[in-house]
Amino acid sequence: MPGSNIWKDPFVDSLFDAILSLENKEDCFRFFEDLATIGEIKSLAQRWEVAKMLAQDETYSKIVEVTGASTATISRVKRCLFYGADGYKLALEKMESKEKDG
């Protein structure tokens, strides 16, 4: 996994274990409301939306219009989507599979 060891440590492992223990969206809303600022959560959500739109071959101008993301953010997400640790791709595939399964 490219780059995955750069920031891996016991604190991050513990955080991810906590996230994986959550059972539904309400649990996630409550946990993240306590964990992060609204701005931090919105930034993460915006990057996720950018990744989804890039995977659908949307143009930068359309992505800016819909998400409000800067072209720098879009470029960063695109770089990660195509040359990163495949985290976006993995999540996109899992979400697509979940939608197909209904």
PDB file of N, CA and C in Angstrom:
ATOM      1  N   MET A   1       0.850  -1.183   0.000  1.00  0.00           N
ATOM      2  CA  MET A   1       0.000   0.000   0.000  1.00  0.00           C
ATOM      3  C   MET A   1       0.889   1.237   0.000  1.00  0.00           C
ATOM      4  N   PRO A   2       0.918   1.979  -1.092  1.00  0.00           N
ATOM      5  CA  PRO A   2       1.779   3.152  -1.186  1.00  0.00           C
ATOM      6  C   PRO A   2       1.447   4.183  -0.118  1.00  0.00           C
ATOM      7  N   GLY A   3       2.494   4.643   0.563  1.00  0.00           N
ATOM      8  CA  GLY A   3       2.349   5.757   1.488  1.00  0.00           C
ATOM      9  C   GLY A   3       1.650   5.445   2.792  1.00  0.00           C
ATOM     10  N   SER A   4       1.141   4.235   2.974  1.00  0.00           N
ATOM     11  CA  SER A   4       0.319   3.962   4.146  1.00  0.00           C
ATOM     12  C   SER A   4       1.100   3.977   5.452  1.00  0.00           C
ATOM     13  N   ASN A   5       2.406   3.769   5.408  1.00  0.00           N
ATOM     14  CA  ASN A   5       3.191   3.747   6.637  1.00  0.00           C
ATOM     15  C   ASN A   5       3.683   5.123   7.067  1.00  0.00           C
ATOM     16  N   ILE A   6       3.478   6.144   6.258  1.00  0.00           N
ATOM     17  CA  ILE A   6       3.982   7.477   6.563  1.00  0.00           C
ATOM     18  C   ILE A   6       3.375   8.013   7.849  1.00  0.00           C
ATOM     19  N   TRP A   7       2.094   7.829   8.053  1.00  0.00           N
ATOM     20  CA  TRP A   7       1.435   8.384   9.227  1.00  0.00           C
ATOM     21  C   TRP A   7       0.799   7.329  10.116  1.00  0.00           C
ATOM     22  N   LYS A   8       1.108   6.082   9.862  1.00  0.00           N
ATOM     23  CA  LYS A   8       0.546   4.999  10.667  1.00  0.00           C
ATOM     24  C   LYS A   8       1.243   4.952  12.026  1.00  0.00           C
ATOM     25  N   ASP A   9       0.437   4.997  13.073  1.00  0.00           N
ATOM     26  CA  ASP A   9       0.955   4.879  14.426  1.00  0.00           C
ATOM     27  C   ASP A   9      -0.163   4.372  15.334  1.00  0.00           C
ATOM     28  N   PRO A  10       0.112   4.087  16.591  1.00  0.00           N
ATOM     29  CA  PRO A  10      -0.928   3.543  17.479  1.00  0.00           C
ATOM     30  C   PRO A  10      -2.139   4.456  17.648  1.00  0.00           C
ATOM     31  N   PHE A  11      -1.938   5.777  17.630  1.00  0.00           N
ATOM     32  CA  PHE A  11      -3.061   6.700  17.775  1.00  0.00           C
ATOM     33  C   PHE A  11      -3.997   6.618  16.569  1.00  0.00           C
ATOM     34  N   VAL A  12      -3.415   6.573  15.372  1.00  0.00           N
ATOM     35  CA  VAL A  12      -4.224   6.467  14.152  1.00  0.00           C
ATOM     36  C   VAL A  12      -4.919   5.108  14.113  1.00  0.00           C
ATOM     37  N   ASP A  13      -4.211   4.052  14.477  1.00  0.00           N
ATOM     38  CA  ASP A  13      -4.831   2.727  14.543  1.00  0.00           C
ATOM     39  C   ASP A  13      -6.040   2.742  15.474  1.00  0.00           C
ATOM     40  N   SER A  14      -5.885   3.367  16.633  1.00  0.00           N
ATOM     41  CA  SER A  14      -6.972   3.441  17.603  1.00  0.00           C
ATOM     42  C   SER A  14      -8.154   4.238  17.050  1.00  0.00           C
ATOM     43  N   LEU A  15      -7.859   5.346  16.370  1.00  0.00           N
ATOM     44  CA  LEU A  15      -8.917   6.151  15.754  1.00  0.00           C
ATOM     45  C   LEU A  15      -9.686   5.324  14.731  1.00  0.00           C
ATOM     46  N   PHE A  16      -8.983   4.624  13.861  1.00  0.00           N
ATOM     47  CA  PHE A  16      -9.640   3.819  12.840  1.00  0.00           C
ATOM     48  C   PHE A  16     -10.440   2.678  13.469  1.00  0.00           C
ATOM     49  N   ASP A  17      -9.927   2.083  14.543  1.00  0.00           N
ATOM     50  CA  ASP A  17     -10.692   1.056  15.257  1.00  0.00           C
ATOM     51  C   ASP A  17     -11.998   1.639  15.784  1.00  0.00           C
ATOM     52  N   ALA A  18     -11.928   2.856  16.322  1.00  0.00           N
ATOM     53  CA  ALA A  18     -13.142   3.509  16.835  1.00  0.00           C
ATOM     54  C   ALA A  18     -14.141   3.747  15.704  1.00  0.00           C
ATOM     55  N   ILE A  19     -13.650   4.235  14.557  1.00  0.00           N
ATOM     56  CA  ILE A  19     -14.532   4.489  13.415  1.00  0.00           C
ATOM     57  C   ILE A  19     -15.166   3.186  12.936  1.00  0.00           C
ATOM     58  N   LEU A  20     -14.373   2.141  12.852  1.00  0.00           N
ATOM     59  CA  LEU A  20     -14.892   0.849  12.395  1.00  0.00           C
ATOM     60  C   LEU A  20     -15.894   0.238  13.375  1.00  0.00           C
ATOM     61  N   SER A  21     -15.861   0.670  14.625  1.00  0.00           N
ATOM     62  CA  SER A  21     -16.812   0.144  15.611  1.00  0.00           C
ATOM     63  C   SER A  21     -18.194   0.776  15.489  1.00  0.00           C
ATOM     64  N   LEU A  22     -18.295   1.889  14.777  1.00  0.00           N
ATOM     65  CA  LEU A  22     -19.582   2.578  14.630  1.00  0.00           C
ATOM     66  C   LEU A  22     -20.496   1.755  13.738  1.00  0.00           C
ATOM     67  N   GLU A  23     -21.766   1.712  14.090  1.00  0.00           N
ATOM     68  CA  GLU A  23     -22.675   0.801  13.407  1.00  0.00           C
ATOM     69  C   GLU A  23     -23.575   1.442  12.366  1.00  0.00           C
ATOM     70  N   ASN A  24     -23.744   2.768  12.403  1.00  0.00           N
ATOM     71  CA  ASN A  24     -24.664   3.404  11.468  1.00  0.00           C
ATOM     72  C   ASN A  24     -24.324   4.886  11.315  1.00  0.00           C
ATOM     73  N   LYS A  25     -25.056   5.563  10.437  1.00  0.00           N
ATOM     74  CA  LYS A  25     -24.775   6.982  10.177  1.00  0.00           C
ATOM     75  C   LYS A  25     -24.963   7.829  11.422  1.00  0.00           C
ATOM     76  N   GLU A  26     -25.983   7.540  12.211  1.00  0.00           N
ATOM     77  CA  GLU A  26     -26.212   8.320  13.436  1.00  0.00           C
ATOM     78  C   GLU A  26     -25.007   8.218  14.372  1.00  0.00           C
ATOM     79  N   ASP A  27     -24.453   7.010  14.516  1.00  0.00           N
ATOM     80  CA  ASP A  27     -23.231   6.846  15.310  1.00  0.00           C
ATOM     81  C   ASP A  27     -22.110   7.708  14.743  1.00  0.00           C
ATOM     82  N   CYS A  28     -21.987   7.712  13.417  1.00  0.00           N
ATOM     83  CA  CYS A  28     -20.936   8.506  12.758  1.00  0.00           C
ATOM     84  C   CYS A  28     -21.142   9.995  12.993  1.00  0.00           C
ATOM     85  N   PHE A  29     -22.379  10.465  12.829  1.00  0.00           N
ATOM     86  CA  PHE A  29     -22.660  11.882  13.070  1.00  0.00           C
ATOM     87  C   PHE A  29     -22.257  12.272  14.487  1.00  0.00           C
ATOM     88  N   ARG A  30     -22.621  11.470  15.457  1.00  0.00           N
ATOM     89  CA  ARG A  30     -22.328  11.796  16.850  1.00  0.00           C
ATOM     90  C   ARG A  30     -20.832  11.780  17.130  1.00  0.00           C
ATOM     91  N   PHE A  31     -20.140  10.749  16.627  1.00  0.00           N
ATOM     92  CA  PHE A  31     -18.702  10.630  16.855  1.00  0.00           C
ATOM     93  C   PHE A  31     -17.941  11.781  16.196  1.00  0.00           C
ATOM     94  N   PHE A  32     -18.241  12.021  14.925  1.00  0.00           N
ATOM     95  CA  PHE A  32     -17.508  13.062  14.202  1.00  0.00           C
ATOM     96  C   PHE A  32     -17.848  14.462  14.693  1.00  0.00           C
ATOM     97  N   GLU A  33     -19.057  14.663  15.192  1.00  0.00           N
ATOM     98  CA  GLU A  33     -19.403  15.966  15.763  1.00  0.00           C
ATOM     99  C   GLU A  33     -18.512  16.269  16.965  1.00  0.00           C
ATOM    100  N   ASP A  34     -18.223  15.248  17.752  1.00  0.00           N
ATOM    101  CA  ASP A  34     -17.337  15.428  18.900  1.00  0.00           C
ATOM    102  C   ASP A  34     -15.862  15.484  18.493  1.00  0.00           C
ATOM    103  N   LEU A  35     -15.515  14.741  17.460  1.00  0.00           N
ATOM    104  CA  LEU A  35     -14.114  14.582  17.071  1.00  0.00           C
ATOM    105  C   LEU A  35     -13.552  15.771  16.296  1.00  0.00           C
ATOM    106  N   ALA A  36     -14.329  16.326  15.387  1.00  0.00           N
ATOM    107  CA  ALA A  36     -13.800  17.311  14.439  1.00  0.00           C
ATOM    108  C   ALA A  36     -14.709  18.530  14.356  1.00  0.00           C
ATOM    109  N   THR A  37     -14.145  19.596  13.796  1.00  0.00           N
ATOM    110  CA  THR A  37     -14.957  20.790  13.575  1.00  0.00           C
ATOM    111  C   THR A  37     -15.851  20.569  12.358  1.00  0.00           C
ATOM    112  N   ILE A  38     -16.879  21.375  12.258  1.00  0.00           N
ATOM    113  CA  ILE A  38     -17.762  21.311  11.087  1.00  0.00           C
ATOM    114  C   ILE A  38     -16.946  21.551   9.824  1.00  0.00           C
ATOM    115  N   GLY A  39     -16.022  22.513   9.870  1.00  0.00           N
ATOM    116  CA  GLY A  39     -15.180  22.813   8.708  1.00  0.00           C
ATOM    117  C   GLY A  39     -14.341  21.629   8.271  1.00  0.00           C
ATOM    118  N   GLU A  40     -13.768  20.906   9.231  1.00  0.00           N
ATOM    119  CA  GLU A  40     -12.958  19.729   8.900  1.00  0.00           C
ATOM    120  C   GLU A  40     -13.809  18.642   8.253  1.00  0.00           C
ATOM    121  N   ILE A  41     -14.980  18.407   8.809  1.00  0.00           N
ATOM    122  CA  ILE A  41     -15.868  17.381   8.255  1.00  0.00           C
ATOM    123  C   ILE A  41     -16.337  17.788   6.862  1.00  0.00           C
ATOM    124  N   LYS A  42     -16.700  19.068   6.702  1.00  0.00           N
ATOM    125  CA  LYS A  42     -17.153  19.551   5.390  1.00  0.00           C
ATOM    126  C   LYS A  42     -16.034  19.431   4.358  1.00  0.00           C
ATOM    127  N   SER A  43     -14.790  19.707   4.756  1.00  0.00           N
ATOM    128  CA  SER A  43     -13.654  19.573   3.829  1.00  0.00           C
ATOM    129  C   SER A  43     -13.472  18.136   3.377  1.00  0.00           C
ATOM    130  N   LEU A  44     -13.578  17.204   4.316  1.00  0.00           N
ATOM    131  CA  LEU A  44     -13.467  15.791   3.964  1.00  0.00           C
ATOM    132  C   LEU A  44     -14.600  15.371   3.039  1.00  0.00           C
ATOM    133  N   ALA A  45     -15.817  15.822   3.359  1.00  0.00           N
ATOM    134  CA  ALA A  45     -16.981  15.486   2.529  1.00  0.00           C
ATOM    135  C   ALA A  45     -16.835  16.069   1.124  1.00  0.00           C
ATOM    136  N   GLN A  46     -16.293  17.288   1.047  1.00  0.00           N
ATOM    137  CA  GLN A  46     -16.091  17.923  -0.251  1.00  0.00           C
ATOM    138  C   GLN A  46     -15.087  17.119  -1.081  1.00  0.00           C
ATOM    139  N   ARG A  47     -13.989  16.692  -0.473  1.00  0.00           N
ATOM    140  CA  ARG A  47     -12.994  15.893  -1.191  1.00  0.00           C
ATOM    141  C   ARG A  47     -13.603  14.583  -1.683  1.00  0.00           C
ATOM    142  N   TRP A  48     -14.442  13.975  -0.856  1.00  0.00           N
ATOM    143  CA  TRP A  48     -15.094  12.728  -1.264  1.00  0.00           C
ATOM    144  C   TRP A  48     -15.993  12.966  -2.474  1.00  0.00           C
ATOM    145  N   GLU A  49     -16.751  14.059  -2.446  1.00  0.00           N
ATOM    146  CA  GLU A  49     -17.627  14.381  -3.584  1.00  0.00           C
ATOM    147  C   GLU A  49     -16.801  14.650  -4.841  1.00  0.00           C
ATOM    148  N   VAL A  50     -15.678  15.347  -4.688  1.00  0.00           N
ATOM    149  CA  VAL A  50     -14.776  15.600  -5.815  1.00  0.00           C
ATOM    150  C   VAL A  50     -14.282  14.270  -6.387  1.00  0.00           C
ATOM    151  N   ALA A  51     -13.881  13.353  -5.521  1.00  0.00           N
ATOM    152  CA  ALA A  51     -13.392  12.046  -5.993  1.00  0.00           C
ATOM    153  C   ALA A  51     -14.482  11.309  -6.770  1.00  0.00           C
ATOM    154  N   LYS A  52     -15.713  11.330  -6.253  1.00  0.00           N
ATOM    155  CA  LYS A  52     -16.813  10.668  -6.955  1.00  0.00           C
ATOM    156  C   LYS A  52     -17.034  11.292  -8.322  1.00  0.00           C
ATOM    157  N   MET A  53     -16.978  12.613  -8.404  1.00  0.00           N
ATOM    158  CA  MET A  53     -17.205  13.291  -9.685  1.00  0.00           C
ATOM    159  C   MET A  53     -16.055  13.045 -10.662  1.00  0.00           C
ATOM    160  N   LEU A  54     -14.828  13.032 -10.156  1.00  0.00           N
ATOM    161  CA  LEU A  54     -13.682  12.732 -11.023  1.00  0.00           C
ATOM    162  C   LEU A  54     -13.791  11.314 -11.575  1.00  0.00           C
ATOM    163  N   ALA A  55     -14.226  10.391 -10.748  1.00  0.00           N
ATOM    164  CA  ALA A  55     -14.383   9.000 -11.194  1.00  0.00           C
ATOM    165  C   ALA A  55     -15.457   8.873 -12.263  1.00  0.00           C
ATOM    166  N   GLN A  56     -16.371   9.836 -12.313  1.00  0.00           N
ATOM    167  CA  GLN A  56     -17.409   9.862 -13.341  1.00  0.00           C
ATOM    168  C   GLN A  56     -16.999  10.744 -14.521  1.00  0.00           C
ATOM    169  N   ASP A  57     -15.731  11.140 -14.555  1.00  0.00           N
ATOM    170  CA  ASP A  57     -15.167  11.945 -15.644  1.00  0.00           C
ATOM    171  C   ASP A  57     -15.803  13.321 -15.787  1.00  0.00           C
ATOM    172  N   GLU A  58     -16.246  13.900 -14.679  1.00  0.00           N
ATOM    173  CA  GLU A  58     -16.780  15.260 -14.716  1.00  0.00           C
ATOM    174  C   GLU A  58     -15.634  16.249 -14.945  1.00  0.00           C
ATOM    175  N   THR A  59     -15.947  17.378 -15.545  1.00  0.00           N
ATOM    176  CA  THR A  59     -14.945  18.408 -15.798  1.00  0.00           C
ATOM    177  C   THR A  59     -14.648  19.190 -14.524  1.00  0.00           C
ATOM    178  N   TYR A  60     -13.478  19.819 -14.490  1.00  0.00           N
ATOM    179  CA  TYR A  60     -13.117  20.661 -13.346  1.00  0.00           C
ATOM    180  C   TYR A  60     -14.163  21.746 -13.145  1.00  0.00           C
ATOM    181  N   SER A  61     -14.610  22.368 -14.239  1.00  0.00           N
ATOM    182  CA  SER A  61     -15.576  23.467 -14.100  1.00  0.00           C
ATOM    183  C   SER A  61     -16.881  22.982 -13.475  1.00  0.00           C
ATOM    184  N   LYS A  62     -17.346  21.803 -13.843  1.00  0.00           N
ATOM    185  CA  LYS A  62     -18.561  21.239 -13.262  1.00  0.00           C
ATOM    186  C   LYS A  62     -18.340  20.914 -11.780  1.00  0.00           C
ATOM    187  N   ILE A  63     -17.171  20.366 -11.458  1.00  0.00           N
ATOM    188  CA  ILE A  63     -16.860  20.014 -10.070  1.00  0.00           C
ATOM    189  C   ILE A  63     -16.796  21.275  -9.203  1.00  0.00           C
ATOM    190  N   VAL A  64     -16.165  22.330  -9.715  1.00  0.00           N
ATOM    191  CA  VAL A  64     -16.112  23.602  -8.987  1.00  0.00           C
ATOM    192  C   VAL A  64     -17.530  24.116  -8.753  1.00  0.00           C
ATOM    193  N   GLU A  65     -18.341  24.077  -9.794  1.00  0.00           N
ATOM    194  CA  GLU A  65     -19.721  24.578  -9.718  1.00  0.00           C
ATOM    195  C   GLU A  65     -20.532  23.825  -8.663  1.00  0.00           C
ATOM    196  N   VAL A  66     -20.417  22.500  -8.654  1.00  0.00           N
ATOM    197  CA  VAL A  66     -21.231  21.679  -7.760  1.00  0.00           C
ATOM    198  C   VAL A  66     -20.702  21.674  -6.328  1.00  0.00           C
ATOM    199  N   THR A  67     -19.377  21.566  -6.171  1.00  0.00           N
ATOM    200  CA  THR A  67     -18.803  21.377  -4.833  1.00  0.00           C
ATOM    201  C   THR A  67     -18.236  22.642  -4.202  1.00  0.00           C
ATOM    202  N   GLY A  68     -17.876  23.612  -5.037  1.00  0.00           N
ATOM    203  CA  GLY A  68     -17.211  24.796  -4.513  1.00  0.00           C
ATOM    204  C   GLY A  68     -15.736  24.572  -4.224  1.00  0.00           C
ATOM    205  N   ALA A  69     -15.222  23.403  -4.584  1.00  0.00           N
ATOM    206  CA  ALA A  69     -13.808  23.091  -4.358  1.00  0.00           C
ATOM    207  C   ALA A  69     -12.928  23.929  -5.272  1.00  0.00           C
ATOM    208  N   SER A  70     -11.753  24.262  -4.784  1.00  0.00           N
ATOM    209  CA  SER A  70     -10.794  24.982  -5.616  1.00  0.00           C
ATOM    210  C   SER A  70     -10.179  24.012  -6.623  1.00  0.00           C
ATOM    211  N   THR A  71      -9.615  24.562  -7.683  1.00  0.00           N
ATOM    212  CA  THR A  71      -8.951  23.700  -8.664  1.00  0.00           C
ATOM    213  C   THR A  71      -7.745  23.008  -8.032  1.00  0.00           C
ATOM    214  N   ALA A  72      -7.119  23.642  -7.046  1.00  0.00           N
ATOM    215  CA  ALA A  72      -5.997  23.009  -6.344  1.00  0.00           C
ATOM    216  C   ALA A  72      -6.473  21.772  -5.585  1.00  0.00           C
ATOM    217  N   THR A  73      -7.614  21.874  -4.934  1.00  0.00           N
ATOM    218  CA  THR A  73      -8.176  20.724  -4.215  1.00  0.00           C
ATOM    219  C   THR A  73      -8.549  19.626  -5.194  1.00  0.00           C
ATOM    220  N   ILE A  74      -9.159  20.001  -6.297  1.00  0.00           N
ATOM    221  CA  ILE A  74      -9.543  19.013  -7.307  1.00  0.00           C
ATOM    222  C   ILE A  74      -8.302  18.303  -7.840  1.00  0.00           C
ATOM    223  N   SER A  75      -7.248  19.055  -8.115  1.00  0.00           N
ATOM    224  CA  SER A  75      -6.002  18.466  -8.611  1.00  0.00           C
ATOM    225  C   SER A  75      -5.393  17.504  -7.601  1.00  0.00           C
ATOM    226  N   ARG A  76      -5.423  17.886  -6.332  1.00  0.00           N
ATOM    227  CA  ARG A  76      -4.874  17.024  -5.286  1.00  0.00           C
ATOM    228  C   ARG A  76      -5.671  15.728  -5.198  1.00  0.00           C
ATOM    229  N   VAL A  77      -6.984  15.830  -5.204  1.00  0.00           N
ATOM    230  CA  VAL A  77      -7.825  14.637  -5.141  1.00  0.00           C
ATOM    231  C   VAL A  77      -7.586  13.770  -6.375  1.00  0.00           C
ATOM    232  N   LYS A  78      -7.477  14.399  -7.530  1.00  0.00           N
ATOM    233  CA  LYS A  78      -7.239  13.644  -8.765  1.00  0.00           C
ATOM    234  C   LYS A  78      -5.915  12.885  -8.688  1.00  0.00           C
ATOM    235  N   ARG A  79      -4.889  13.548  -8.181  1.00  0.00           N
ATOM    236  CA  ARG A  79      -3.581  12.895  -8.036  1.00  0.00           C
ATOM    237  C   ARG A  79      -3.702  11.678  -7.120  1.00  0.00           C
ATOM    238  N   CYS A  80      -4.414  11.847  -6.002  1.00  0.00           N
ATOM    239  CA  CYS A  80      -4.599  10.726  -5.073  1.00  0.00           C
ATOM    240  C   CYS A  80      -5.468   9.628  -5.684  1.00  0.00           C
ATOM    241  N   LEU A  81      -6.491  10.027  -6.412  1.00  0.00           N
ATOM    242  CA  LEU A  81      -7.400   9.060  -7.030  1.00  0.00           C
ATOM    243  C   LEU A  81      -6.667   8.165  -8.021  1.00  0.00           C
ATOM    244  N   PHE A  82      -5.769   8.750  -8.799  1.00  0.00           N
ATOM    245  CA  PHE A  82      -5.095   7.986  -9.849  1.00  0.00           C
ATOM    246  C   PHE A  82      -3.691   7.509  -9.494  1.00  0.00           C
ATOM    247  N   TYR A  83      -3.039   8.148  -8.508  1.00  0.00           N
ATOM    248  CA  TYR A  83      -1.660   7.776  -8.187  1.00  0.00           C
ATOM    249  C   TYR A  83      -1.428   7.577  -6.696  1.00  0.00           C
ATOM    250  N   GLY A  84      -2.498   7.547  -5.913  1.00  0.00           N
ATOM    251  CA  GLY A  84      -2.369   7.426  -4.466  1.00  0.00           C
ATOM    252  C   GLY A  84      -2.372   5.985  -3.999  1.00  0.00           C
ATOM    253  N   ALA A  85      -2.853   5.795  -2.789  1.00  0.00           N
ATOM    254  CA  ALA A  85      -2.854   4.480  -2.147  1.00  0.00           C
ATOM    255  C   ALA A  85      -4.079   3.654  -2.520  1.00  0.00           C
ATOM    256  N   ASP A  86      -4.860   4.115  -3.480  1.00  0.00           N
ATOM    257  CA  ASP A  86      -6.077   3.450  -3.954  1.00  0.00           C
ATOM    258  C   ASP A  86      -7.207   3.451  -2.926  1.00  0.00           C
ATOM    259  N   GLY A  87      -7.118   4.325  -1.939  1.00  0.00           N
ATOM    260  CA  GLY A  87      -8.169   4.428  -0.937  1.00  0.00           C
ATOM    261  C   GLY A  87      -9.476   4.930  -1.520  1.00  0.00           C
ATOM    262  N   TYR A  88      -9.391   5.967  -2.342  1.00  0.00           N
ATOM    263  CA  TYR A  88     -10.611   6.466  -2.995  1.00  0.00           C
ATOM    264  C   TYR A  88     -11.224   5.377  -3.861  1.00  0.00           C
ATOM    265  N   LYS A  89     -10.388   4.716  -4.665  1.00  0.00           N
ATOM    266  CA  LYS A  89     -10.895   3.672  -5.568  1.00  0.00           C
ATOM    267  C   LYS A  89     -11.556   2.551  -4.788  1.00  0.00           C
ATOM    268  N   LEU A  90     -10.937   2.148  -3.693  1.00  0.00           N
ATOM    269  CA  LEU A  90     -11.492   1.082  -2.868  1.00  0.00           C
ATOM    270  C   LEU A  90     -12.872   1.478  -2.340  1.00  0.00           C
ATOM    271  N   ALA A  91     -12.978   2.677  -1.802  1.00  0.00           N
ATOM    272  CA  ALA A  91     -14.254   3.144  -1.258  1.00  0.00           C
ATOM    273  C   ALA A  91     -15.305   3.294  -2.360  1.00  0.00           C
ATOM    274  N   LEU A  92     -14.889   3.825  -3.509  1.00  0.00           N
ATOM    275  CA  LEU A  92     -15.829   3.969  -4.628  1.00  0.00           C
ATOM    276  C   LEU A  92     -16.364   2.615  -5.078  1.00  0.00           C
ATOM    277  N   GLU A  93     -15.478   1.637  -5.170  1.00  0.00           N
ATOM    278  CA  GLU A  93     -15.894   0.289  -5.573  1.00  0.00           C
ATOM    279  C   GLU A  93     -16.843  -0.317  -4.543  1.00  0.00           C
ATOM    280  N   LYS A  94     -16.545  -0.126  -3.276  1.00  0.00           N
ATOM    281  CA  LYS A  94     -17.399  -0.680  -2.213  1.00  0.00           C
ATOM    282  C   LYS A  94     -18.769  -0.008  -2.223  1.00  0.00           C
ATOM    283  N   MET A  95     -18.789   1.299  -2.447  1.00  0.00           N
ATOM    284  CA  MET A  95     -20.065   2.017  -2.507  1.00  0.00           C
ATOM    285  C   MET A  95     -20.870   1.564  -3.719  1.00  0.00           C
ATOM    286  N   GLU A  96     -20.204   1.374  -4.852  1.00  0.00           N
ATOM    287  CA  GLU A  96     -20.899   0.910  -6.066  1.00  0.00           C
ATOM    288  C   GLU A  96     -21.469  -0.493  -5.845  1.00  0.00           C
ATOM    289  N   SER A  97     -20.693  -1.352  -5.231  1.00  0.00           N
ATOM    290  CA  SER A  97     -21.145  -2.712  -4.941  1.00  0.00           C
ATOM    291  C   SER A  97     -22.342  -2.682  -3.979  1.00  0.00           C
ATOM    292  N   LYS A  98     -22.281  -1.825  -2.985  1.00  0.00           N
ATOM    293  CA  LYS A  98     -23.368  -1.700  -2.006  1.00  0.00           C
ATOM    294  C   LYS A  98     -24.646  -1.224  -2.685  1.00  0.00           C
ATOM    295  N   GLU A  99     -24.519  -0.268  -3.634  1.00  0.00           N
ATOM    296  CA  GLU A  99     -25.689   0.243  -4.358  1.00  0.00           C
ATOM    297  C   GLU A  99     -26.305  -0.842  -5.232  1.00  0.00           C
ATOM    298  N   LYS A 100     -25.464  -1.667  -5.854  1.00  0.00           N
ATOM    299  CA  LYS A 100     -25.965  -2.746  -6.706  1.00  0.00           C
ATOM    300  C   LYS A 100     -26.706  -3.790  -5.893  1.00  0.00           C
ATOM    301  N   ASP A 101     -26.201  -4.049  -4.678  1.00  0.00           N
ATOM    302  CA  ASP A 101     -26.809  -5.058  -3.823  1.00  0.00           C
ATOM    303  C   ASP A 101     -28.104  -4.570  -3.181  1.00  0.00           C
ATOM    304  N   GLY A 102     -28.335  -3.239  -3.286  1.00  0.00           N
ATOM    305  CA  GLY A 102     -29.583  -2.665  -2.812  1.00  0.00           C
ATOM    306  C   GLY A 102     -29.587  -2.484  -1.356  1.00  0.00           C
TER     307      GLY A 102
END
